[in-house]
């Protein structure tokens, strides 16, 4: 009798263990957009600024920076790079570009699903920058925003910012 009770308990325990292991199954990592300074270590946020926060912008000045984007999703999309400032004169005086596409206040690049892409960003101050940019200081933010739409119009700067990095001028 002791033997049959032991076998029944062992069988019941073994059966419940199999159900628990089968129920666990593999988990899939969350799909997201990731950034990297070196193309090797990825995170959902930047750990260091793209530009020095103590930049003193002067007309015809230009700064460049590189970073990498990993579209770890099942759909393609666009990365918008735009400028924002507490001084509208600075936004009007600065241009941002990705690669060879120079634009006034924003630039975009298409990134396919699963693609890792190096982004070369250039921010330049116009030669015709007004006097109101020469004698003032301003907070200037380089804003990165992921967009799943295929619109070629700059998105409005809103609370839907993915990442922000500031540079003082």
N, C-alpha and C. Protein backbone atom coordinates (compact mmCIF):
# COMPACT_ATOMS: atom_id res chain seq x y z
N UNK A 1 0.80 -1.16 0.00
CA UNK A 1 0.00 0.00 0.00
C UNK A 1 0.87 1.27 0.00
N UNK A 2 1.93 1.24 0.74
CA UNK A 2 2.80 2.39 0.77
C UNK A 2 3.42 2.63 -0.61
N UNK A 3 3.72 1.55 -1.30
CA UNK A 3 4.34 1.66 -2.61
C UNK A 3 3.38 2.32 -3.61
N UNK A 4 2.10 1.93 -3.62
CA UNK A 4 1.14 2.49 -4.57
C UNK A 4 0.86 3.96 -4.26
N UNK A 5 0.84 4.35 -2.99
CA UNK A 5 0.64 5.75 -2.63
C UNK A 5 1.83 6.57 -3.11
N UNK A 6 3.04 6.08 -2.95
CA UNK A 6 4.24 6.77 -3.39
C UNK A 6 4.23 6.94 -4.90
N UNK A 7 3.86 5.92 -5.65
CA UNK A 7 3.81 5.98 -7.11
C UNK A 7 2.76 6.98 -7.55
N UNK A 8 1.60 7.00 -6.92
CA UNK A 8 0.53 7.92 -7.29
C UNK A 8 0.96 9.37 -7.03
N UNK A 9 1.61 9.65 -5.90
CA UNK A 9 2.08 11.01 -5.59
C UNK A 9 3.16 11.44 -6.57
N UNK A 10 4.07 10.53 -6.88
CA UNK A 10 5.15 10.84 -7.82
C UNK A 10 4.57 11.14 -9.20
N UNK A 11 3.60 10.34 -9.66
CA UNK A 11 2.97 10.54 -10.97
C UNK A 11 2.24 11.88 -10.99
N UNK A 12 1.53 12.21 -9.94
CA UNK A 12 0.81 13.48 -9.88
C UNK A 12 1.79 14.65 -9.91
N UNK A 13 2.88 14.59 -9.18
CA UNK A 13 3.89 15.64 -9.15
C UNK A 13 4.54 15.78 -10.52
N UNK A 14 4.90 14.67 -11.16
CA UNK A 14 5.53 14.70 -12.47
C UNK A 14 4.58 15.31 -13.50
N UNK A 15 3.31 14.98 -13.43
CA UNK A 15 2.32 15.53 -14.36
C UNK A 15 2.17 17.02 -14.20
N UNK A 16 2.14 17.53 -12.98
CA UNK A 16 1.99 18.97 -12.78
C UNK A 16 3.25 19.71 -13.21
N UNK A 17 4.40 19.10 -13.07
CA UNK A 17 5.64 19.74 -13.51
C UNK A 17 5.66 19.92 -15.01
N UNK A 18 5.20 18.94 -15.75
CA UNK A 18 5.16 19.02 -17.21
C UNK A 18 4.21 20.13 -17.64
N UNK A 19 3.06 20.24 -17.03
CA UNK A 19 2.09 21.27 -17.37
C UNK A 19 2.68 22.64 -17.12
N UNK A 20 3.36 22.84 -16.00
CA UNK A 20 3.96 24.13 -15.70
C UNK A 20 5.05 24.48 -16.69
N UNK A 21 5.88 23.53 -17.06
CA UNK A 21 6.95 23.80 -18.01
C UNK A 21 6.40 24.07 -19.40
N UNK A 22 5.39 23.37 -19.80
CA UNK A 22 4.80 23.58 -21.12
C UNK A 22 4.09 24.93 -21.16
N UNK A 23 3.48 25.34 -20.06
CA UNK A 23 2.76 26.60 -20.02
C UNK A 23 3.68 27.80 -20.08
N UNK A 24 4.91 27.65 -19.64
CA UNK A 24 5.82 28.79 -19.60
C UNK A 24 6.19 29.24 -21.01
N UNK A 25 6.57 28.36 -21.89
CA UNK A 25 6.88 28.68 -23.27
C UNK A 25 7.92 29.78 -23.41
N UNK A 26 8.46 29.98 -24.62
CA UNK A 26 9.45 31.04 -24.82
C UNK A 26 8.77 32.41 -24.86
N UNK A 27 9.49 33.42 -24.38
CA UNK A 27 8.95 34.78 -24.44
C UNK A 27 9.69 35.55 -25.52
N UNK A 28 9.00 36.48 -26.17
CA UNK A 28 9.60 37.30 -27.20
C UNK A 28 9.89 38.68 -26.63
N UNK A 29 11.08 39.20 -26.92
CA UNK A 29 11.44 40.53 -26.43
C UNK A 29 10.55 41.58 -27.08
N UNK A 30 10.27 42.64 -26.36
CA UNK A 30 9.44 43.72 -26.88
C UNK A 30 10.15 44.38 -28.06
N UNK A 31 9.38 44.67 -29.10
CA UNK A 31 9.94 45.32 -30.27
C UNK A 31 9.96 46.82 -30.02
N UNK A 32 11.06 47.44 -30.38
CA UNK A 32 11.21 48.87 -30.12
C UNK A 32 12.28 49.46 -31.03
N UNK A 33 12.42 50.77 -30.98
CA UNK A 33 13.47 51.47 -31.69
C UNK A 33 14.60 51.69 -30.69
N UNK A 34 15.82 51.36 -31.12
CA UNK A 34 16.97 51.48 -30.22
C UNK A 34 18.03 52.38 -30.85
N UNK A 35 18.81 53.01 -29.99
CA UNK A 35 19.85 53.94 -30.41
C UNK A 35 21.20 53.51 -29.86
N UNK A 36 22.26 53.91 -30.57
CA UNK A 36 23.61 53.57 -30.13
C UNK A 36 24.58 54.63 -30.62
N UNK A 37 25.57 54.93 -29.80
CA UNK A 37 26.63 55.85 -30.20
C UNK A 37 27.67 55.14 -31.07
N UNK A 38 27.85 53.81 -30.83
CA UNK A 38 28.90 53.08 -31.52
C UNK A 38 28.41 51.96 -32.44
N UNK A 39 27.12 51.70 -32.48
CA UNK A 39 26.60 50.62 -33.31
C UNK A 39 26.74 49.25 -32.69
N UNK A 40 27.21 49.19 -31.46
CA UNK A 40 27.42 47.92 -30.76
C UNK A 40 26.51 47.76 -29.55
N UNK A 41 26.43 48.80 -28.72
CA UNK A 41 25.61 48.77 -27.51
C UNK A 41 24.34 49.58 -27.77
N UNK A 42 23.18 48.93 -27.61
CA UNK A 42 21.89 49.53 -27.96
C UNK A 42 21.06 49.82 -26.72
N UNK A 43 20.32 50.93 -26.77
CA UNK A 43 19.42 51.29 -25.68
C UNK A 43 18.26 52.08 -26.26
N UNK A 44 17.20 52.21 -25.50
CA UNK A 44 16.05 52.98 -25.96
C UNK A 44 16.23 54.47 -25.74
N UNK A 45 17.29 54.87 -25.05
CA UNK A 45 17.61 56.28 -24.80
C UNK A 45 19.08 56.51 -25.10
N UNK A 46 19.44 57.77 -25.34
CA UNK A 46 20.85 58.12 -25.45
C UNK A 46 21.44 58.27 -24.06
N UNK A 47 22.68 57.83 -23.90
CA UNK A 47 23.34 57.97 -22.60
C UNK A 47 24.26 59.18 -22.56
N UNK A 48 24.58 59.72 -23.74
CA UNK A 48 25.43 60.92 -23.78
C UNK A 48 24.91 61.84 -24.88
N UNK A 49 25.16 63.15 -24.75
CA UNK A 49 24.67 64.09 -25.74
C UNK A 49 25.36 63.94 -27.10
N UNK A 50 24.64 64.29 -28.16
CA UNK A 50 25.22 64.24 -29.51
C UNK A 50 26.11 65.45 -29.77
N UNK A 51 25.79 66.57 -29.14
CA UNK A 51 26.57 67.79 -29.30
C UNK A 51 26.93 68.33 -27.92
N UNK A 52 28.04 69.06 -27.87
CA UNK A 52 28.47 69.70 -26.65
C UNK A 52 27.40 70.71 -26.20
N UNK A 53 27.07 70.70 -24.95
CA UNK A 53 26.03 71.60 -24.45
C UNK A 53 26.49 73.06 -24.37
N UNK A 54 27.76 73.32 -24.52
CA UNK A 54 28.28 74.69 -24.44
C UNK A 54 28.65 75.25 -25.81
N UNK A 55 27.95 74.84 -26.85
CA UNK A 55 28.23 75.34 -28.20
C UNK A 55 27.87 76.83 -28.27
N UNK A 56 28.75 77.58 -28.89
CA UNK A 56 28.48 78.98 -29.18
C UNK A 56 28.31 79.07 -30.69
N UNK A 57 27.07 79.21 -31.11
CA UNK A 57 26.75 79.25 -32.54
C UNK A 57 27.04 80.64 -33.09
N UNK A 58 27.70 80.69 -34.24
CA UNK A 58 27.92 81.92 -34.98
C UNK A 58 27.50 81.67 -36.42
N UNK A 59 27.14 82.73 -37.17
CA UNK A 59 26.75 82.52 -38.56
C UNK A 59 27.80 81.73 -39.34
N UNK A 60 27.35 80.84 -40.17
CA UNK A 60 28.14 79.90 -40.99
C UNK A 60 28.78 78.78 -40.17
N UNK A 61 28.45 78.68 -38.89
CA UNK A 61 28.98 77.62 -38.04
C UNK A 61 28.24 76.32 -38.35
N UNK A 62 28.93 75.22 -38.17
CA UNK A 62 28.33 73.92 -38.46
C UNK A 62 28.91 72.88 -37.50
N UNK A 63 28.06 71.95 -37.04
CA UNK A 63 28.48 70.86 -36.16
C UNK A 63 27.90 69.56 -36.71
N UNK A 64 28.67 68.50 -36.62
CA UNK A 64 28.18 67.20 -37.08
C UNK A 64 28.33 66.16 -35.97
N UNK A 65 27.50 65.15 -36.05
CA UNK A 65 27.52 64.06 -35.09
C UNK A 65 26.96 62.81 -35.76
N UNK A 66 27.35 61.66 -35.25
CA UNK A 66 26.87 60.40 -35.78
C UNK A 66 26.29 59.56 -34.65
N UNK A 67 25.27 58.79 -35.00
CA UNK A 67 24.72 57.80 -34.09
C UNK A 67 24.08 56.72 -34.93
N UNK A 68 23.65 55.65 -34.30
CA UNK A 68 23.05 54.52 -35.01
C UNK A 68 21.63 54.29 -34.50
N UNK A 69 20.77 53.82 -35.41
CA UNK A 69 19.39 53.50 -35.06
C UNK A 69 19.13 52.05 -35.48
N UNK A 70 18.47 51.30 -34.61
CA UNK A 70 18.08 49.92 -34.88
C UNK A 70 16.56 49.84 -34.82
N UNK A 71 15.94 49.57 -35.96
CA UNK A 71 14.49 49.41 -36.03
C UNK A 71 14.18 47.95 -35.69
N UNK A 72 14.04 47.66 -34.44
CA UNK A 72 13.79 46.30 -33.97
C UNK A 72 12.28 46.02 -33.93
N UNK A 73 11.62 46.31 -35.08
CA UNK A 73 10.18 46.07 -35.19
C UNK A 73 9.92 45.31 -36.49
N UNK A 74 8.66 44.97 -36.71
CA UNK A 74 8.26 44.25 -37.92
C UNK A 74 7.83 45.18 -39.05
N UNK A 75 7.86 46.50 -38.83
CA UNK A 75 7.44 47.44 -39.86
C UNK A 75 8.48 48.54 -40.03
N UNK A 76 8.59 49.05 -41.25
CA UNK A 76 9.48 50.16 -41.52
C UNK A 76 8.90 51.45 -40.98
N UNK A 77 9.70 52.46 -40.95
CA UNK A 77 9.25 53.76 -40.48
C UNK A 77 10.28 54.82 -40.79
N UNK A 78 10.07 55.99 -40.22
CA UNK A 78 10.97 57.11 -40.45
C UNK A 78 11.44 57.69 -39.13
N UNK A 79 12.67 58.12 -39.13
CA UNK A 79 13.21 58.85 -37.98
C UNK A 79 13.29 60.31 -38.39
N UNK A 80 12.61 61.15 -37.63
CA UNK A 80 12.64 62.59 -37.85
C UNK A 80 13.65 63.20 -36.90
N UNK A 81 14.49 64.08 -37.41
CA UNK A 81 15.43 64.83 -36.59
C UNK A 81 15.04 66.30 -36.77
N UNK A 82 14.68 66.95 -35.70
CA UNK A 82 14.25 68.34 -35.80
C UNK A 82 14.85 69.16 -34.67
N UNK A 83 14.69 70.45 -34.78
CA UNK A 83 15.23 71.39 -33.79
C UNK A 83 14.09 72.06 -33.05
N UNK A 84 14.31 72.34 -31.80
CA UNK A 84 13.37 73.08 -30.99
C UNK A 84 14.18 74.01 -30.10
N UNK A 85 13.63 75.16 -29.78
CA UNK A 85 14.34 76.12 -28.95
C UNK A 85 13.36 77.02 -28.23
N UNK A 86 13.81 77.59 -27.14
CA UNK A 86 13.01 78.59 -26.45
C UNK A 86 13.18 79.95 -27.11
N UNK A 87 14.03 80.04 -28.15
CA UNK A 87 14.24 81.26 -28.92
C UNK A 87 13.94 80.95 -30.39
N UNK A 88 12.77 81.35 -30.90
CA UNK A 88 12.39 81.04 -32.29
C UNK A 88 13.41 81.52 -33.32
N UNK A 89 14.16 82.58 -33.03
CA UNK A 89 15.16 83.07 -33.97
C UNK A 89 16.23 82.02 -34.23
N UNK A 90 16.59 81.26 -33.22
CA UNK A 90 17.59 80.20 -33.40
C UNK A 90 17.05 79.08 -34.29
N UNK A 91 15.80 78.69 -34.10
CA UNK A 91 15.22 77.63 -34.94
C UNK A 91 15.21 78.08 -36.39
N UNK A 92 14.87 79.35 -36.64
CA UNK A 92 14.86 79.87 -38.02
C UNK A 92 16.26 79.95 -38.60
N UNK A 93 17.27 80.18 -37.77
CA UNK A 93 18.64 80.37 -38.25
C UNK A 93 19.41 79.06 -38.42
N UNK A 94 18.91 77.97 -37.83
CA UNK A 94 19.62 76.70 -37.90
C UNK A 94 18.97 75.75 -38.90
N UNK A 95 19.82 75.02 -39.62
CA UNK A 95 19.38 73.98 -40.53
C UNK A 95 19.86 72.64 -39.99
N UNK A 96 19.09 71.60 -40.23
CA UNK A 96 19.49 70.26 -39.82
C UNK A 96 19.47 69.36 -41.05
N UNK A 97 20.43 68.47 -41.14
CA UNK A 97 20.46 67.55 -42.27
C UNK A 97 20.90 66.16 -41.84
N UNK A 98 20.40 65.19 -42.60
CA UNK A 98 20.84 63.80 -42.46
C UNK A 98 21.44 63.43 -43.80
N UNK A 99 22.72 63.10 -43.81
CA UNK A 99 23.38 62.81 -45.08
C UNK A 99 23.41 64.06 -45.94
N UNK A 100 22.95 63.94 -47.19
CA UNK A 100 23.00 65.06 -48.12
C UNK A 100 21.72 65.88 -48.16
N UNK A 101 20.68 65.45 -47.45
CA UNK A 101 19.38 66.13 -47.49
C UNK A 101 19.35 67.28 -46.49
N UNK A 102 19.59 68.52 -46.97
CA UNK A 102 19.58 69.69 -46.09
C UNK A 102 18.17 70.26 -46.03
N UNK A 103 17.68 70.48 -44.84
CA UNK A 103 16.36 71.07 -44.65
C UNK A 103 16.46 72.18 -43.63
N UNK A 104 15.37 72.90 -43.46
CA UNK A 104 15.41 74.02 -42.52
C UNK A 104 15.28 73.56 -41.08
N UNK A 105 14.14 73.00 -40.72
CA UNK A 105 13.93 72.71 -39.30
C UNK A 105 13.86 71.22 -38.97
N UNK A 106 13.82 70.36 -39.98
CA UNK A 106 13.81 68.92 -39.69
C UNK A 106 14.32 68.14 -40.89
N UNK A 107 14.75 66.93 -40.63
CA UNK A 107 15.21 66.02 -41.67
C UNK A 107 14.69 64.63 -41.33
N UNK A 108 14.59 63.77 -42.32
CA UNK A 108 14.10 62.43 -42.05
C UNK A 108 14.92 61.39 -42.80
N UNK A 109 14.84 60.17 -42.31
CA UNK A 109 15.44 59.03 -42.99
C UNK A 109 14.53 57.83 -42.80
N UNK A 110 14.44 57.00 -43.82
CA UNK A 110 13.61 55.79 -43.77
C UNK A 110 14.47 54.66 -43.24
N UNK A 111 13.89 53.87 -42.33
CA UNK A 111 14.61 52.73 -41.75
C UNK A 111 13.69 51.52 -41.85
N UNK A 112 14.12 50.52 -42.60
CA UNK A 112 13.32 49.31 -42.82
C UNK A 112 13.22 48.48 -41.55
N UNK A 113 12.24 47.61 -41.50
CA UNK A 113 12.07 46.70 -40.36
C UNK A 113 13.34 45.87 -40.19
N UNK A 114 13.84 45.80 -38.97
CA UNK A 114 15.04 45.02 -38.67
C UNK A 114 16.35 45.67 -39.08
N UNK A 115 16.32 46.85 -39.67
CA UNK A 115 17.53 47.50 -40.17
C UNK A 115 18.27 48.26 -39.07
N UNK A 116 19.60 48.21 -39.14
CA UNK A 116 20.49 49.03 -38.32
C UNK A 116 21.12 50.03 -39.26
N UNK A 117 21.02 51.32 -38.91
CA UNK A 117 21.48 52.36 -39.82
C UNK A 117 22.28 53.43 -39.08
N UNK A 118 23.39 53.83 -39.67
CA UNK A 118 24.18 54.94 -39.14
C UNK A 118 23.56 56.25 -39.63
N UNK A 119 23.40 57.20 -38.73
CA UNK A 119 22.81 58.48 -39.04
C UNK A 119 23.89 59.56 -38.87
N UNK A 120 24.16 60.31 -39.93
CA UNK A 120 25.10 61.44 -39.88
C UNK A 120 24.27 62.71 -39.87
N UNK A 121 24.29 63.43 -38.76
CA UNK A 121 23.50 64.65 -38.59
C UNK A 121 24.42 65.86 -38.62
N UNK A 122 23.99 66.88 -39.36
CA UNK A 122 24.72 68.15 -39.38
C UNK A 122 23.74 69.25 -39.01
N UNK A 123 24.13 70.10 -38.08
CA UNK A 123 23.36 71.28 -37.72
C UNK A 123 24.23 72.48 -38.08
N UNK A 124 23.67 73.40 -38.87
CA UNK A 124 24.44 74.55 -39.33
C UNK A 124 23.64 75.83 -39.12
N UNK A 125 24.36 76.91 -38.81
CA UNK A 125 23.71 78.21 -38.66
C UNK A 125 23.88 78.99 -39.96
N UNK A 126 22.80 79.56 -40.41
CA UNK A 126 22.79 80.33 -41.66
C UNK A 126 23.71 81.53 -41.58
N UNK A 127 24.30 81.87 -42.72
CA UNK A 127 25.13 83.07 -42.80
C UNK A 127 24.30 84.32 -42.53
N UNK A 128 23.02 84.24 -42.86
CA UNK A 128 22.13 85.39 -42.71
C UNK A 128 21.43 85.42 -41.36
N UNK A 129 21.96 84.71 -40.37
CA UNK A 129 21.33 84.70 -39.04
C UNK A 129 21.23 86.12 -38.51
N UNK A 130 20.08 86.44 -37.96
CA UNK A 130 19.81 87.80 -37.49
C UNK A 130 20.60 88.17 -36.25
N UNK A 131 20.60 89.46 -35.96
CA UNK A 131 21.29 89.97 -34.78
C UNK A 131 20.73 89.38 -33.49
N UNK A 132 19.45 89.00 -33.51
CA UNK A 132 18.85 88.46 -32.29
C UNK A 132 19.44 87.10 -31.91
N UNK A 133 20.20 86.48 -32.79
CA UNK A 133 20.88 85.23 -32.43
C UNK A 133 22.32 85.49 -31.99
N UNK A 134 22.85 86.65 -32.28
CA UNK A 134 24.26 86.94 -32.00
C UNK A 134 24.53 87.39 -30.58
N UNK A 135 23.53 87.96 -29.94
CA UNK A 135 23.76 88.51 -28.61
C UNK A 135 22.93 87.83 -27.53
N UNK A 136 22.34 86.70 -27.86
CA UNK A 136 21.49 86.04 -26.87
C UNK A 136 21.92 84.59 -26.68
N UNK A 137 21.40 84.02 -25.64
CA UNK A 137 21.61 82.60 -25.40
C UNK A 137 20.25 81.91 -25.50
N UNK A 138 20.29 80.62 -25.81
CA UNK A 138 19.03 79.89 -25.97
C UNK A 138 19.27 78.41 -25.72
N UNK A 139 18.23 77.77 -25.29
CA UNK A 139 18.23 76.31 -25.19
C UNK A 139 17.86 75.79 -26.57
N UNK A 140 18.68 74.91 -27.13
CA UNK A 140 18.38 74.30 -28.42
C UNK A 140 18.35 72.80 -28.21
N UNK A 141 17.24 72.19 -28.60
CA UNK A 141 17.09 70.74 -28.47
C UNK A 141 17.11 70.10 -29.84
N UNK A 142 17.88 69.04 -29.96
CA UNK A 142 17.83 68.19 -31.14
C UNK A 142 16.84 67.09 -30.79
N UNK A 143 15.73 67.00 -31.50
CA UNK A 143 14.64 66.10 -31.16
C UNK A 143 14.60 64.94 -32.15
N UNK A 144 14.62 63.71 -31.63
CA UNK A 144 14.48 62.51 -32.46
C UNK A 144 13.09 61.96 -32.23
N UNK A 145 12.37 61.71 -33.32
CA UNK A 145 11.01 61.21 -33.18
C UNK A 145 10.77 60.12 -34.21
N UNK A 146 10.32 58.95 -33.77
CA UNK A 146 10.00 57.83 -34.65
C UNK A 146 8.59 58.01 -35.18
N UNK A 147 8.41 57.72 -36.46
CA UNK A 147 7.11 57.90 -37.11
C UNK A 147 6.85 56.69 -38.00
N UNK A 148 5.75 55.98 -37.76
CA UNK A 148 5.40 54.83 -38.60
C UNK A 148 4.67 55.23 -39.87
N UNK A 149 4.27 56.48 -40.00
CA UNK A 149 3.56 56.91 -41.20
C UNK A 149 4.57 57.17 -42.31
N UNK A 150 4.07 57.33 -43.51
CA UNK A 150 4.95 57.62 -44.64
C UNK A 150 4.82 59.08 -45.09
N UNK A 151 4.39 59.94 -44.19
CA UNK A 151 4.25 61.35 -44.49
C UNK A 151 5.62 61.99 -44.68
N UNK A 152 5.70 62.94 -45.61
CA UNK A 152 6.96 63.65 -45.80
C UNK A 152 6.90 65.06 -45.24
N UNK A 153 5.96 65.29 -44.34
CA UNK A 153 5.80 66.58 -43.68
C UNK A 153 6.35 66.46 -42.26
N UNK A 154 7.07 67.49 -41.82
CA UNK A 154 7.60 67.46 -40.46
C UNK A 154 6.48 67.34 -39.46
N UNK A 155 6.63 66.46 -38.48
CA UNK A 155 5.60 66.39 -37.44
C UNK A 155 5.68 67.62 -36.54
N UNK A 156 4.57 67.97 -35.96
CA UNK A 156 4.56 69.06 -34.99
C UNK A 156 5.31 68.61 -33.76
N UNK A 157 6.10 69.49 -33.19
CA UNK A 157 6.78 69.16 -31.95
C UNK A 157 5.71 69.07 -30.87
N UNK A 158 5.67 67.95 -30.21
CA UNK A 158 4.62 67.73 -29.22
C UNK A 158 5.18 66.92 -28.07
N UNK A 159 4.31 66.47 -27.20
CA UNK A 159 4.72 65.64 -26.09
C UNK A 159 5.10 64.23 -26.53
N UNK A 160 4.99 63.91 -27.80
CA UNK A 160 5.27 62.57 -28.30
C UNK A 160 6.73 62.43 -28.69
N UNK A 161 7.62 63.07 -28.00
CA UNK A 161 9.04 63.00 -28.32
C UNK A 161 9.61 61.68 -27.85
N UNK A 162 10.44 61.08 -28.72
CA UNK A 162 11.07 59.82 -28.37
C UNK A 162 12.33 60.07 -27.56
N UNK A 163 13.15 60.98 -28.02
CA UNK A 163 14.40 61.30 -27.35
C UNK A 163 14.71 62.75 -27.56
N UNK A 164 15.32 63.38 -26.58
CA UNK A 164 15.74 64.76 -26.73
C UNK A 164 17.17 64.89 -26.24
N UNK A 165 17.88 65.76 -26.90
CA UNK A 165 19.25 66.03 -26.50
C UNK A 165 19.44 67.53 -26.67
N UNK A 166 19.90 68.20 -25.67
CA UNK A 166 19.98 69.65 -25.72
C UNK A 166 21.38 70.16 -25.98
N UNK A 167 21.48 71.30 -26.61
CA UNK A 167 22.76 71.98 -26.81
C UNK A 167 22.53 73.45 -26.53
N UNK A 168 23.37 74.04 -25.72
CA UNK A 168 23.26 75.46 -25.41
C UNK A 168 24.04 76.25 -26.43
N UNK A 169 23.48 77.35 -26.84
CA UNK A 169 24.23 78.22 -27.76
C UNK A 169 24.53 79.53 -27.07
